[in-house]
Amino acid sequence: MTTFLLVIIYLAFISLGLPDSLLGVAWPVMKLDYGAALETAGFLFMAIAGGTIISSLASGKILKRFGTGQVTFVSVLMTAGALLGFNFAPSVLWLFLFAIPLGLGAGAIDAGLNDYVATHYKAHHMSWLHCFWGVGATFGPIIMAQFISGQNSWRNGYFTIAIVQFALVLILLFTLPLWNKVVKNSDSITSEKQGESNDISQNEEVKPLQIRGVKLALASFLFYCGVEATVGLWGSSYLVNVREIPVAVAAQWVSFYYAGITIGRFLTGFITFKLGNLSLIRTGQLIALAGAFLLFLPLPSTFSLVGFIMIGLGLAPIFPCMLHETPTRFGKRHSQTIMGYQMAVAYTGSTFLPPFLGFIASYTTIGIFPICIVLFVAAMLLSSERLNSLLAKSTLQKSKQIEI
């Protein structure tokens, strides 16, 4: 039963990744149909991200009231309906209207399933969960590209992805009773002792943001997603304009970066049997920092490819491992709320840090790309290490109090 539900959760994360890259792939054709400007896609992306941030912030209360199963069911239904709406949208205004439920549904699914897996499953399942998001994010553009090249119809692409989502809605509807059974019967990876490890987090009068270390954790998520999105958005421009690499080759090199993340997360699932989350987070950050320095140093262009792959492999374990540590770091009682905060800040980083670099580059040069990546990774590493130190001191103080 637990394994069957895990398969459903993996399917839900594939569906979460499917729509993420559709807009970018389809927009060159969509803007011609609507007579819209190129930058309109950026505003649509921000509308989707805004809905995601809002639902992530509110997910803690919603999940506590309705449960992960029901929230996931309704959220997938919202995203399926929104994608179907994109298919029928007669104007850009309707695209903006449907972008709202698309973002709201995605944020609730992300926060809810991350907390559920972090609480009820082991660390390798979290890594594989985010690997399956990569599967969805990879196949979404492939499906859309097939319809655009074969039928010159982006609408059929959205329609097909919507049908896939509605199929998942039916599966979720019939498996709703499983969620509560797993909560009652599964052996949680975070034991009650671990869940109670942070005494202050168990005080009902203390708000989640006041719990020791939460703000440092949020900073880590901000810079992680800032790095991941910034490399994906501006990496090709840097290679073409600074390294003078052909556009097609640059696109391939950036694709190796995404492959590094997806394959790295698959491998991380096995490595978690030998190494703990904290070791994997630290190792990943150091590998990503080394890769960023390869981009920064005046070396032959081939080293840039190695740098992109190293950044991807380094980033791979960080996000799922940080998520899985949430109940252990801050206690099970507030983990749902804090998970929502973390996802909201993560989306904030991916929404605003890449445009921030682009804004600066428009007044200077895209050559600042590797400098910004080094600074973002370094900031993530420093905030993460500061958090580990803070929590270690807190645990030591509690153990001394117990001895007294």
Protein backbone atom coordinates (compact mmCIF):
# COMPACT_ATOMS: atom_id res chain seq x y z
CA MET A 1 0.00 0.00 0.00
CA THR A 2 2.80 2.41 0.93
CA THR A 3 4.69 1.53 -2.26
CA PHE A 4 1.57 1.94 -4.41
CA LEU A 5 0.91 5.40 -2.99
CA LEU A 6 4.55 6.32 -3.62
CA VAL A 7 4.04 5.45 -7.30
CA ILE A 8 1.02 7.80 -7.33
CA ILE A 9 3.15 10.55 -5.78
CA TYR A 10 5.84 10.02 -8.43
CA LEU A 11 3.18 10.30 -11.15
CA ALA A 12 1.93 13.51 -9.55
CA PHE A 13 5.44 14.98 -9.68
CA ILE A 14 5.81 14.01 -13.33
CA SER A 15 2.57 15.90 -13.96
CA LEU A 16 3.96 18.84 -11.97
CA GLY A 17 6.95 19.02 -14.31
CA LEU A 18 5.00 18.58 -17.56
CA PRO A 19 3.61 22.15 -17.84
CA ASP A 20 6.73 23.94 -16.56
CA SER A 21 8.48 24.34 -19.92
CA LEU A 22 5.45 24.44 -22.23
CA LEU A 23 5.09 28.20 -22.39
CA GLY A 24 8.70 28.80 -23.44
CA VAL A 25 8.52 26.16 -26.18
CA ALA A 26 5.12 27.22 -27.52
CA TRP A 27 5.40 31.01 -27.22
CA PRO A 28 7.12 31.68 -30.58
CA VAL A 29 4.00 30.23 -32.25
CA MET A 30 1.48 31.50 -29.68
CA LYS A 31 2.59 35.12 -29.95
CA LEU A 32 1.99 35.03 -33.71
CA ASP A 33 -1.54 33.70 -33.22
CA TYR A 34 -2.35 36.37 -30.65
CA GLY A 35 -0.27 39.16 -32.17
CA ALA A 36 1.43 39.56 -28.79
CA ALA A 37 4.84 40.98 -27.96
CA LEU A 38 7.78 38.74 -27.09
CA GLU A 39 7.99 40.02 -23.50
CA THR A 40 4.37 39.03 -22.81
CA ALA A 41 5.61 35.50 -22.08
CA GLY A 42 7.68 36.94 -19.23
CA PHE A 43 4.60 38.54 -17.68
CA LEU A 44 2.66 35.28 -18.05
CA PHE A 45 5.50 33.44 -16.34
CA MET A 46 5.42 35.92 -13.46
CA ALA A 47 1.62 35.53 -13.15
CA ILE A 48 2.04 31.75 -12.85
CA ALA A 49 4.91 32.18 -10.37
CA GLY A 50 2.87 34.66 -8.33
CA GLY A 51 0.05 32.13 -7.93
CA THR A 52 2.58 29.48 -6.96
CA ILE A 53 4.14 31.68 -4.27
CA ILE A 54 0.73 32.56 -2.80
CA SER A 55 -0.45 28.95 -2.63
CA SER A 56 2.89 27.84 -1.15
CA LEU A 57 2.58 30.40 1.65
CA ALA A 58 -0.99 29.31 2.40
CA SER A 59 -0.32 25.58 2.00
CA GLY A 60 0.46 24.95 5.67
CA LYS A 61 -3.02 25.87 6.91
CA ILE A 62 -4.76 24.27 3.92
CA LEU A 63 -2.89 20.98 4.31
CA LYS A 64 -3.60 20.83 8.04
CA ARG A 65 -7.31 21.32 7.41
CA PHE A 66 -7.91 19.11 4.37
CA GLY A 67 -4.97 16.69 4.25
CA THR A 68 -2.37 16.09 1.54
CA GLY A 69 -4.53 13.71 -0.51
CA GLN A 70 -7.47 16.06 -0.96
CA VAL A 71 -5.25 19.08 -1.57
CA THR A 72 -3.27 17.19 -4.23
CA PHE A 73 -6.50 16.04 -5.92
CA VAL A 74 -7.98 19.55 -6.08
CA SER A 75 -4.65 21.09 -7.12
CA VAL A 76 -4.12 18.68 -10.04
CA LEU A 77 -7.74 19.33 -11.06
CA MET A 78 -6.99 23.07 -11.08
CA THR A 79 -3.85 22.67 -13.19
CA ALA A 80 -5.65 20.33 -15.62
CA GLY A 81 -8.48 22.83 -16.00
CA ALA A 82 -6.03 25.69 -16.49
CA LEU A 83 -4.11 23.82 -19.20
CA LEU A 84 -7.38 23.01 -20.94
CA GLY A 85 -8.20 26.71 -20.68
CA PHE A 86 -4.91 27.57 -22.43
CA ASN A 87 -6.07 25.32 -25.28
CA PHE A 88 -9.33 27.26 -25.73
CA ALA A 89 -8.11 30.76 -24.74
CA PRO A 90 -9.36 33.24 -27.39
CA SER A 91 -7.03 36.06 -26.31
CA VAL A 92 -3.97 36.87 -24.19
CA LEU A 93 -6.24 38.16 -21.42
CA TRP A 94 -7.68 34.66 -21.05
CA LEU A 95 -4.16 33.26 -20.83
CA PHE A 96 -3.51 35.52 -17.84
CA LEU A 97 -6.76 34.40 -16.20
CA PHE A 98 -5.88 30.72 -16.62
CA ALA A 99 -2.32 31.37 -15.43
CA ILE A 100 -3.68 32.07 -11.93
CA PRO A 101 -5.16 28.59 -11.21
CA LEU A 102 -2.16 27.01 -12.95
CA GLY A 103 0.19 28.68 -10.47
CA LEU A 104 -2.05 28.15 -7.44
CA GLY A 105 -2.38 24.43 -8.18
CA ALA A 106 1.34 23.91 -8.77
CA GLY A 107 2.37 25.56 -5.50
CA ALA A 108 -0.02 23.50 -3.38
CA ILE A 109 1.07 20.23 -5.02
CA ASP A 110 4.75 21.05 -4.59
CA ALA A 111 4.58 22.00 -0.92
CA GLY A 112 2.13 19.24 0.03
CA LEU A 113 3.93 16.34 -1.62
CA ASN A 114 7.38 17.50 -0.49
CA ASP A 115 6.22 17.59 3.13
CA TYR A 116 4.41 14.25 2.82
CA VAL A 117 7.48 12.47 1.42
CA ALA A 118 9.83 14.18 3.88
CA THR A 119 7.66 13.00 6.79
CA HIS A 120 6.65 9.50 5.70
CA TYR A 121 9.42 8.24 3.39
CA LYS A 122 13.20 7.91 3.39
CA ALA A 123 15.73 10.32 1.90
CA HIS A 124 16.28 8.39 -1.36
CA HIS A 125 12.58 8.70 -2.17
CA MET A 126 12.86 12.50 -1.98
CA SER A 127 15.74 12.52 -4.46
CA TRP A 128 13.87 10.24 -6.86
CA LEU A 129 10.75 12.36 -6.43
CA HIS A 130 12.55 15.39 -7.85
CA CYS A 131 14.15 13.20 -10.50
CA PHE A 132 10.61 12.42 -11.71
CA TRP A 133 9.89 16.15 -11.87
CA GLY A 134 12.81 16.29 -14.30
CA VAL A 135 11.19 13.52 -16.35
CA GLY A 136 8.01 15.60 -16.65
CA ALA A 137 9.92 18.80 -17.41
CA THR A 138 11.80 16.93 -20.17
CA PHE A 139 8.79 15.29 -21.84
CA GLY A 140 6.54 18.39 -21.74
CA PRO A 141 8.55 20.27 -24.39
CA ILE A 142 8.97 17.06 -26.43
CA ILE A 143 5.19 16.58 -26.59
CA MET A 144 4.62 20.23 -27.47
CA ALA A 145 7.36 20.18 -30.12
CA GLN A 146 5.75 17.16 -31.80
CA PHE A 147 2.44 18.96 -32.21
CA ILE A 148 4.04 22.21 -33.37
CA SER A 149 6.27 20.53 -35.95
CA GLY A 150 3.71 17.97 -37.08
CA GLN A 151 0.43 19.91 -36.98
CA ASN A 152 1.65 23.47 -36.34
CA SER A 153 -0.79 23.51 -33.41
CA TRP A 154 0.36 24.53 -29.95
CA ARG A 155 -3.24 24.21 -28.74
CA ASN A 156 -3.22 20.45 -29.31
CA GLY A 157 -0.05 20.27 -27.23
CA TYR A 158 -1.77 21.95 -24.28
CA PHE A 159 -4.85 19.78 -24.83
CA THR A 160 -2.79 16.58 -24.69
CA ILE A 161 -1.01 17.60 -21.46
CA ALA A 162 -4.40 18.56 -19.98
CA ILE A 163 -5.79 15.09 -20.78
CA VAL A 164 -2.79 13.51 -19.04
CA GLN A 165 -3.51 15.68 -16.00
CA PHE A 166 -7.20 14.74 -15.98
CA ALA A 167 -6.21 11.05 -16.09
CA LEU A 168 -4.15 11.64 -12.95
CA VAL A 169 -7.14 13.41 -11.36
CA LEU A 170 -9.17 10.22 -11.76
CA ILE A 171 -6.37 8.13 -10.25
CA LEU A 172 -6.11 10.50 -7.29
CA LEU A 173 -9.88 10.43 -6.79
CA PHE A 174 -9.96 6.64 -6.43
CA THR A 175 -6.88 6.52 -4.19
CA LEU A 176 -7.87 9.23 -1.71
CA PRO A 177 -8.46 6.73 1.16
CA LEU A 178 -4.84 5.52 0.89
CA TRP A 179 -3.33 8.78 2.11
CA ASN A 180 -4.70 8.59 5.66
CA LYS A 181 -3.92 4.87 5.90
CA VAL A 182 -0.27 5.50 5.08
CA VAL A 183 -0.13 8.27 7.67
CA LYS A 184 -1.37 5.84 10.33
CA ASN A 185 0.60 2.75 9.30
CA SER A 186 3.88 3.89 7.75
CA ASP A 187 7.12 4.03 9.68
CA SER A 188 8.09 7.67 9.38
CA ILE A 189 11.76 8.34 8.65
CA THR A 190 11.50 11.17 11.15
CA SER A 191 10.82 9.56 14.50
CA GLU A 192 8.94 11.26 17.26
CA LYS A 193 12.19 11.94 19.03
CA GLN A 194 13.58 13.65 15.94
CA GLY A 195 10.35 15.51 15.48
CA GLU A 196 10.55 16.78 19.03
CA SER A 197 14.25 17.64 18.79
CA ASN A 198 13.65 21.35 18.44
CA ASP A 199 11.85 22.25 21.65
CA ILE A 200 10.96 25.75 20.58
CA SER A 201 9.17 24.43 17.51
CA GLN A 202 6.71 22.57 19.75
CA ASN A 203 5.56 25.72 21.49
CA GLU A 204 2.17 26.60 20.02
CA GLU A 205 2.72 30.28 20.85
CA VAL A 206 5.83 30.47 18.68
CA LYS A 207 5.28 31.27 15.01
CA PRO A 208 7.18 29.16 12.44
CA LEU A 209 9.29 32.11 11.27
CA GLN A 210 10.47 32.61 14.87
CA ILE A 211 11.88 29.09 15.12
CA ARG A 212 15.64 29.06 15.35
CA GLY A 213 17.29 28.64 11.96
CA VAL A 214 14.20 28.96 9.76
CA LYS A 215 15.32 32.23 8.17
CA LEU A 216 18.72 30.78 7.32
CA ALA A 217 16.98 27.78 5.73
CA LEU A 218 14.84 30.16 3.66
CA ALA A 219 17.97 31.99 2.49
CA SER A 220 19.46 28.68 1.35
CA PHE A 221 16.36 27.94 -0.72
CA LEU A 222 16.33 31.45 -2.18
CA PHE A 223 19.88 31.22 -3.48
CA TYR A 224 19.59 27.58 -4.56
CA CYS A 225 16.66 28.26 -6.88
CA GLY A 226 18.26 31.52 -7.94
CA VAL A 227 21.33 29.61 -9.12
CA GLU A 228 19.34 26.84 -10.80
CA ALA A 229 17.10 29.22 -12.77
CA THR A 230 19.85 31.75 -13.57
CA VAL A 231 22.14 29.13 -15.11
CA GLY A 232 19.24 27.78 -17.17
CA LEU A 233 18.10 31.20 -18.39
CA TRP A 234 21.38 33.00 -19.08
CA GLY A 235 23.89 30.18 -19.60
CA SER A 236 23.37 30.01 -23.36
CA SER A 237 23.59 33.79 -23.75
CA TYR A 238 26.89 33.81 -21.87
CA LEU A 239 28.34 31.03 -24.02
CA VAL A 240 27.27 32.68 -27.28
CA ASN A 241 28.16 36.29 -26.49
CA VAL A 242 31.24 35.89 -24.31
CA ARG A 243 32.69 32.50 -25.21
CA GLU A 244 31.65 32.92 -28.88
CA ILE A 245 30.21 29.41 -29.09
CA PRO A 246 27.59 28.69 -31.83
CA VAL A 247 23.98 28.92 -30.67
CA ALA A 248 23.18 25.25 -31.33
CA VAL A 249 26.27 24.09 -29.44
CA ALA A 250 25.49 26.44 -26.54
CA ALA A 251 21.97 25.01 -26.31
CA GLN A 252 23.41 21.50 -26.16
CA TRP A 253 25.81 22.48 -23.40
CA VAL A 254 23.00 23.94 -21.31
CA SER A 255 21.00 20.75 -21.89
CA PHE A 256 23.93 18.85 -20.34
CA TYR A 257 23.47 21.06 -17.28
CA TYR A 258 19.84 19.91 -16.92
CA ALA A 259 20.87 16.33 -17.60
CA GLY A 260 23.38 16.67 -14.76
CA ILE A 261 20.59 17.68 -12.38
CA THR A 262 18.22 14.88 -13.43
CA ILE A 263 20.82 12.10 -13.52
CA GLY A 264 22.45 13.42 -10.36
CA ARG A 265 19.17 13.17 -8.45
CA PHE A 266 18.65 9.62 -9.65
CA LEU A 267 22.13 8.67 -8.42
CA THR A 268 21.67 10.61 -5.19
CA GLY A 269 18.81 8.30 -4.29
CA PHE A 270 21.33 5.45 -4.05
CA ILE A 271 24.04 7.53 -2.38
CA THR A 272 21.65 8.39 0.49
CA PHE A 273 22.04 4.79 1.68
CA LYS A 274 25.66 5.65 2.54
CA LEU A 275 25.68 9.42 3.20
CA GLY A 276 23.34 11.62 5.21
CA ASN A 277 21.48 14.67 3.94
CA LEU A 278 23.86 17.21 5.47
CA SER A 279 26.93 15.61 3.88
CA LEU A 280 25.21 15.49 0.49
CA ILE A 281 24.11 19.13 0.73
CA ARG A 282 27.62 20.30 1.61
CA THR A 283 29.29 18.14 -1.06
CA GLY A 284 26.84 19.31 -3.71
CA GLN A 285 27.41 22.95 -2.85
CA LEU A 286 31.20 22.57 -3.05
CA ILE A 287 30.95 20.80 -6.43
CA ALA A 288 28.63 23.53 -7.75
CA LEU A 289 31.02 26.21 -6.47
CA ALA A 290 33.95 24.52 -8.20
CA GLY A 291 31.94 24.36 -11.44
CA ALA A 292 31.07 28.05 -11.14
CA PHE A 293 34.76 28.92 -10.72
CA LEU A 294 35.52 27.01 -13.93
CA LEU A 295 33.16 29.39 -15.75
CA PHE A 296 34.77 32.36 -14.03
CA LEU A 297 38.40 31.50 -14.77
CA PRO A 298 39.93 32.48 -18.16
CA LEU A 299 40.24 28.88 -19.40
CA PRO A 300 39.55 27.31 -22.84
CA SER A 301 35.88 27.00 -23.79
CA THR A 302 35.83 23.24 -23.16
CA PHE A 303 36.16 23.96 -19.45
CA SER A 304 32.88 25.86 -19.64
CA LEU A 305 31.11 22.62 -20.63
CA VAL A 306 32.75 20.86 -17.69
CA GLY A 307 31.67 23.76 -15.46
CA PHE A 308 28.02 23.52 -16.55
CA ILE A 309 27.97 19.76 -15.94
CA MET A 310 29.62 20.17 -12.52
CA ILE A 311 27.09 22.82 -11.50
CA GLY A 312 24.24 20.53 -12.55
CA LEU A 313 25.65 17.53 -10.70
CA GLY A 314 26.39 19.68 -7.66
CA LEU A 315 22.91 21.17 -7.51
CA ALA A 316 21.27 17.74 -7.91
CA PRO A 317 21.23 16.59 -4.26
CA ILE A 318 20.85 19.98 -2.59
CA PHE A 319 17.15 20.77 -3.07
CA PRO A 320 15.67 17.33 -2.23
CA CYS A 321 18.02 16.83 0.72
CA MET A 322 17.21 20.26 2.19
CA LEU A 323 13.51 19.50 1.86
CA HIS A 324 13.89 16.10 3.50
CA GLU A 325 15.71 17.66 6.46
CA THR A 326 12.80 20.00 7.24
CA PRO A 327 10.93 17.80 9.81
CA THR A 328 14.23 16.84 11.46
CA ARG A 329 15.48 20.41 11.69
CA PHE A 330 12.32 22.14 12.83
CA GLY A 331 9.97 19.46 14.16
CA LYS A 332 7.00 17.70 12.61
CA ARG A 333 4.42 20.03 14.11
CA HIS A 334 5.43 23.02 11.98
CA SER A 335 6.97 21.15 9.04
CA GLN A 336 3.99 21.65 6.70
CA THR A 337 3.94 25.41 7.25
CA ILE A 338 7.72 25.76 7.01
CA MET A 339 7.74 23.59 3.88
CA GLY A 340 5.27 26.00 2.31
CA TYR A 341 7.46 28.96 3.27
CA GLN A 342 10.49 27.23 1.78
CA MET A 343 8.71 26.55 -1.51
CA ALA A 344 7.44 30.14 -1.66
CA VAL A 345 10.94 31.55 -1.12
CA ALA A 346 12.35 29.03 -3.62
CA TYR A 347 9.93 30.24 -6.30
CA THR A 348 10.77 33.83 -5.34
CA GLY A 349 14.43 33.11 -6.01
CA SER A 350 13.76 31.52 -9.40
CA THR A 351 11.38 34.34 -10.34
CA PHE A 352 13.40 37.41 -9.39
CA LEU A 353 17.14 36.58 -9.25
CA PRO A 354 17.49 35.70 -12.98
CA PRO A 355 15.79 38.96 -14.09
CA PHE A 356 18.01 40.80 -11.59
CA LEU A 357 21.10 39.49 -13.36
CA GLY A 358 19.54 40.33 -16.72
CA PHE A 359 18.83 43.90 -15.56
CA ILE A 360 22.42 44.42 -14.49
CA ALA A 361 23.75 42.77 -17.66
CA SER A 362 21.67 45.11 -19.82
CA TYR A 363 23.66 48.03 -18.39
CA THR A 364 27.02 46.23 -18.30
CA THR A 365 27.68 42.89 -20.00
CA ILE A 366 26.51 39.29 -19.79
CA GLY A 367 30.12 38.58 -18.85
CA ILE A 368 29.03 39.11 -15.22
CA PHE A 369 27.17 35.77 -15.43
CA PRO A 370 29.90 33.58 -13.85
CA ILE A 371 30.58 36.18 -11.16
CA CYS A 372 26.91 36.17 -10.12
CA ILE A 373 26.79 32.36 -10.13
CA VAL A 374 29.84 32.19 -7.85
CA LEU A 375 28.29 34.76 -5.48
CA PHE A 376 24.89 32.99 -5.42
CA VAL A 377 26.44 29.57 -4.72
CA ALA A 378 28.74 31.04 -2.07
CA ALA A 379 25.79 32.75 -0.35
CA MET A 380 23.87 29.45 -0.37
CA LEU A 381 26.85 27.61 1.11
CA LEU A 382 27.40 30.20 3.84
CA SER A 383 23.74 30.31 4.90
CA SER A 384 23.55 26.51 4.92
CA GLU A 385 26.70 26.10 6.99
CA ARG A 386 25.55 28.81 9.39
CA LEU A 387 22.26 26.92 9.82
CA ASN A 388 24.06 23.64 10.52
CA SER A 389 26.27 25.34 13.10
CA LEU A 390 23.29 27.00 14.78
CA LEU A 391 21.29 23.77 15.04
CA ALA A 392 24.34 21.82 16.25
CA LYS A 393 24.88 24.33 19.08
CA SER A 394 21.19 24.16 19.97
CA THR A 395 21.32 20.35 20.16
CA LEU A 396 24.48 20.50 22.30
CA GLN A 397 22.88 22.96 24.72
CA LYS A 398 19.81 20.74 25.11
CA SER A 399 21.92 17.66 25.75
CA LYS A 400 23.80 19.51 28.48
CA GLN A 401 20.54 20.64 30.07
CA ILE A 402 19.32 17.04 30.07
CA GLU A 403 22.53 15.89 31.77
CA ILE A 404 22.12 18.55 34.45
